Amino acid sequence: MDAPNRFGLTSIQWGIVVLTLITALIHIWLGIGFLDSGGVIFVLNGAGYLSLLFLLLAPIAPLARYRSLIRWALIAYTAITIFAWLLIPTAARTPLAFFDKAVEIALVVLLWLDGQRK
């Protein structure tokens, strides 16, 4: 059983936190690096990850009834990010990009697993 720890998060949820922070920070860092040529999209993508993570895990009672919907929104957001990278021919195919896609795929898996235990 994946019981919550003293912060009220399970190990799966901690994994979601870590993976979301990794991909958000990568996108923000990359976006800041080329703000003058479209990097703002990357910064906004990173901010979207952070916002959805907050909505998913923040201990705010009115959000509790929407957790499942928020989880699915984060899954969709992550999947759209992955597919956009695959479909945009000019997207970087660097080791960092492949690492980030692996992080995002793992994030989708953990989000799905977290939803299954509810």
C-alpha atoms as a PDB file:
ATOM      1  CA  MET A   1       0.000   0.000   0.000  1.00  0.00           C
ATOM      2  CA  ASP A   2       1.286   3.429  -0.919  1.00  0.00           C
ATOM      3  CA  ALA A   3       0.415   5.325   2.269  1.00  0.00           C
ATOM      4  CA  PRO A   4       0.795   9.099   2.546  1.00  0.00           C
ATOM      5  CA  ASN A   5       3.844  10.385   4.413  1.00  0.00           C
ATOM      6  CA  ARG A   6       3.981  13.269   6.874  1.00  0.00           C
ATOM      7  CA  PHE A   7       3.330  15.744   4.047  1.00  0.00           C
ATOM      8  CA  GLY A   8       0.226  13.824   3.021  1.00  0.00           C
ATOM      9  CA  LEU A   9       1.721  12.646  -0.289  1.00  0.00           C
ATOM     10  CA  THR A  10       2.201   9.081  -1.456  1.00  0.00           C
ATOM     11  CA  SER A  11       5.393   7.958  -3.179  1.00  0.00           C
ATOM     12  CA  ILE A  12       3.555   8.120  -6.522  1.00  0.00           C
ATOM     13  CA  GLN A  13       2.554  11.713  -5.793  1.00  0.00           C
ATOM     14  CA  TRP A  14       6.130  12.589  -4.838  1.00  0.00           C
ATOM     15  CA  GLY A  15       7.182  11.146  -8.193  1.00  0.00           C
ATOM     16  CA  ILE A  16       4.588  13.358  -9.887  1.00  0.00           C
ATOM     17  CA  VAL A  17       6.003  16.388  -8.061  1.00  0.00           C
ATOM     18  CA  VAL A  18       9.602  15.604  -9.033  1.00  0.00           C
ATOM     19  CA  LEU A  19       8.852  14.796 -12.679  1.00  0.00           C
ATOM     20  CA  THR A  20       6.592  17.827 -13.114  1.00  0.00           C
ATOM     21  CA  LEU A  21       9.213  20.124 -11.594  1.00  0.00           C
ATOM     22  CA  ILE A  22      11.905  18.661 -13.865  1.00  0.00           C
ATOM     23  CA  THR A  23       9.945  19.176 -17.087  1.00  0.00           C
ATOM     24  CA  ALA A  24       8.629  22.584 -15.992  1.00  0.00           C
ATOM     25  CA  LEU A  25      12.114  23.839 -15.151  1.00  0.00           C
ATOM     26  CA  ILE A  26      13.560  22.486 -18.398  1.00  0.00           C
ATOM     27  CA  HIS A  27      10.894  24.312 -20.406  1.00  0.00           C
ATOM     28  CA  ILE A  28      11.306  27.557 -18.452  1.00  0.00           C
ATOM     29  CA  TRP A  29      15.112  27.394 -18.688  1.00  0.00           C
ATOM     30  CA  LEU A  30      15.018  26.737 -22.427  1.00  0.00           C
ATOM     31  CA  GLY A  31      12.408  29.450 -22.970  1.00  0.00           C
ATOM     32  CA  ILE A  32      14.395  32.069 -21.112  1.00  0.00           C
ATOM     33  CA  GLY A  33      17.360  31.154 -23.309  1.00  0.00           C
ATOM     34  CA  PHE A  34      15.604  32.299 -26.467  1.00  0.00           C
ATOM     35  CA  LEU A  35      12.850  34.701 -25.390  1.00  0.00           C
ATOM     36  CA  ASP A  36      13.468  36.911 -28.419  1.00  0.00           C
ATOM     37  CA  SER A  37      12.656  34.095 -30.865  1.00  0.00           C
ATOM     38  CA  GLY A  38       9.603  32.332 -29.477  1.00  0.00           C
ATOM     39  CA  GLY A  39      10.866  31.155 -26.125  1.00  0.00           C
ATOM     40  CA  VAL A  40       7.869  32.631 -24.356  1.00  0.00           C
ATOM     41  CA  ILE A  41       5.887  29.530 -25.421  1.00  0.00           C
ATOM     42  CA  PHE A  42       8.339  27.370 -23.483  1.00  0.00           C
ATOM     43  CA  VAL A  43       8.106  29.608 -20.414  1.00  0.00           C
ATOM     44  CA  LEU A  44       4.315  29.453 -20.557  1.00  0.00           C
ATOM     45  CA  ASN A  45       4.454  25.675 -20.980  1.00  0.00           C
ATOM     46  CA  GLY A  46       6.567  25.405 -17.846  1.00  0.00           C
ATOM     47  CA  ALA A  47       4.208  27.730 -15.975  1.00  0.00           C
ATOM     48  CA  GLY A  48       1.286  25.555 -17.092  1.00  0.00           C
ATOM     49  CA  TYR A  49       2.956  22.473 -15.619  1.00  0.00           C
ATOM     50  CA  LEU A  50       3.531  24.272 -12.314  1.00  0.00           C
ATOM     51  CA  SER A  51      -0.028  25.593 -12.194  1.00  0.00           C
ATOM     52  CA  LEU A  52      -1.596  22.202 -12.842  1.00  0.00           C
ATOM     53  CA  LEU A  53       0.695  20.581 -10.266  1.00  0.00           C
ATOM     54  CA  PHE A  54      -0.402  23.142  -7.676  1.00  0.00           C
ATOM     55  CA  LEU A  55      -4.073  22.596  -8.490  1.00  0.00           C
ATOM     56  CA  LEU A  56      -3.631  18.818  -8.294  1.00  0.00           C
ATOM     57  CA  LEU A  57      -1.861  18.611  -4.948  1.00  0.00           C
ATOM     58  CA  ALA A  58      -2.559  21.814  -3.013  1.00  0.00           C
ATOM     59  CA  PRO A  59      -4.435  21.119   0.215  1.00  0.00           C
ATOM     60  CA  ILE A  60      -7.339  23.385  -0.728  1.00  0.00           C
ATOM     61  CA  ALA A  61     -10.670  21.797   0.156  1.00  0.00           C
ATOM     62  CA  PRO A  62     -12.760  23.281  -2.702  1.00  0.00           C
ATOM     63  CA  LEU A  63     -10.345  21.713  -5.222  1.00  0.00           C
ATOM     64  CA  ALA A  64     -10.816  18.196  -3.824  1.00  0.00           C
ATOM     65  CA  ARG A  65     -13.878  17.444  -5.916  1.00  0.00           C
ATOM     66  CA  TYR A  66     -11.990  18.414  -9.089  1.00  0.00           C
ATOM     67  CA  ARG A  67      -8.797  16.365  -8.500  1.00  0.00           C
ATOM     68  CA  SER A  68      -9.707  13.710 -11.052  1.00  0.00           C
ATOM     69  CA  LEU A  69     -10.464  16.324 -13.704  1.00  0.00           C
ATOM     70  CA  ILE A  70      -7.250  18.209 -12.882  1.00  0.00           C
ATOM     71  CA  ARG A  71      -5.262  14.956 -13.110  1.00  0.00           C
ATOM     72  CA  TRP A  72      -6.737  14.259 -16.562  1.00  0.00           C
ATOM     73  CA  ALA A  73      -5.980  17.839 -17.592  1.00  0.00           C
ATOM     74  CA  LEU A  74      -2.323  17.364 -16.605  1.00  0.00           C
ATOM     75  CA  ILE A  75      -2.192  14.057 -18.502  1.00  0.00           C
ATOM     76  CA  ALA A  76      -3.645  15.758 -21.599  1.00  0.00           C
ATOM     77  CA  TYR A  77      -1.333  18.769 -21.209  1.00  0.00           C
ATOM     78  CA  THR A  78       1.689  16.484 -21.025  1.00  0.00           C
ATOM     79  CA  ALA A  79       0.535  14.373 -23.971  1.00  0.00           C
ATOM     80  CA  ILE A  80      -0.037  17.483 -26.096  1.00  0.00           C
ATOM     81  CA  THR A  81       3.470  18.671 -25.227  1.00  0.00           C
ATOM     82  CA  ILE A  82       4.928  15.317 -26.310  1.00  0.00           C
ATOM     83  CA  PHE A  83       2.932  15.187 -29.554  1.00  0.00           C
ATOM     84  CA  ALA A  84       3.751  18.806 -30.401  1.00  0.00           C
ATOM     85  CA  TRP A  85       7.456  17.970 -30.065  1.00  0.00           C
ATOM     86  CA  LEU A  86       6.990  14.955 -32.328  1.00  0.00           C
ATOM     87  CA  LEU A  87       5.008  16.869 -34.961  1.00  0.00           C
ATOM     88  CA  ILE A  88       7.057  20.073 -35.158  1.00  0.00           C
ATOM     89  CA  PRO A  89       9.859  19.349 -37.625  1.00  0.00           C
ATOM     90  CA  THR A  90      12.108  22.102 -36.271  1.00  0.00           C
ATOM     91  CA  ALA A  91      11.879  20.897 -32.656  1.00  0.00           C
ATOM     92  CA  ALA A  92      15.271  20.131 -31.135  1.00  0.00           C
ATOM     93  CA  ARG A  93      16.275  16.480 -31.112  1.00  0.00           C
ATOM     94  CA  THR A  94      18.975  16.861 -28.470  1.00  0.00           C
ATOM     95  CA  PRO A  95      19.799  14.582 -25.542  1.00  0.00           C
ATOM     96  CA  LEU A  96      18.042  17.071 -23.237  1.00  0.00           C
ATOM     97  CA  ALA A  97      14.909  16.934 -25.402  1.00  0.00           C
ATOM     98  CA  PHE A  98      14.858  13.121 -25.350  1.00  0.00           C
ATOM     99  CA  PHE A  99      15.442  13.145 -21.594  1.00  0.00           C
ATOM    100  CA  ASP A 100      12.543  15.566 -21.149  1.00  0.00           C
ATOM    101  CA  LYS A 101      10.236  13.381 -23.267  1.00  0.00           C
ATOM    102  CA  ALA A 102      11.173  10.376 -21.097  1.00  0.00           C
ATOM    103  CA  VAL A 103      10.334  12.455 -18.009  1.00  0.00           C
ATOM    104  CA  GLU A 104       6.997  13.444 -19.541  1.00  0.00           C
ATOM    105  CA  ILE A 105       6.109   9.854 -20.447  1.00  0.00           C
ATOM    106  CA  ALA A 106       6.948   8.741 -16.901  1.00  0.00           C
ATOM    107  CA  LEU A 107       4.808  11.620 -15.597  1.00  0.00           C
ATOM    108  CA  VAL A 108       1.809  10.425 -17.616  1.00  0.00           C
ATOM    109  CA  VAL A 109       2.282   6.896 -16.245  1.00  0.00           C
ATOM    110  CA  LEU A 110       2.461   8.108 -12.634  1.00  0.00           C
ATOM    111  CA  LEU A 111      -0.565  10.363 -13.085  1.00  0.00           C
ATOM    112  CA  TRP A 112      -2.529   7.436 -14.472  1.00  0.00           C
ATOM    113  CA  LEU A 113      -1.405   5.173 -11.608  1.00  0.00           C
ATOM    114  CA  ASP A 114      -2.329   7.863  -9.085  1.00  0.00           C
ATOM    115  CA  GLY A 115      -5.793   8.041 -10.585  1.00  0.00           C
ATOM    116  CA  GLN A 116      -6.213   4.269 -10.424  1.00  0.00           C
ATOM    117  CA  ARG A 117      -5.692   4.146  -6.675  1.00  0.00           C
ATOM    118  CA  LYS A 118      -8.514   6.633  -5.978  1.00  0.00           C
END
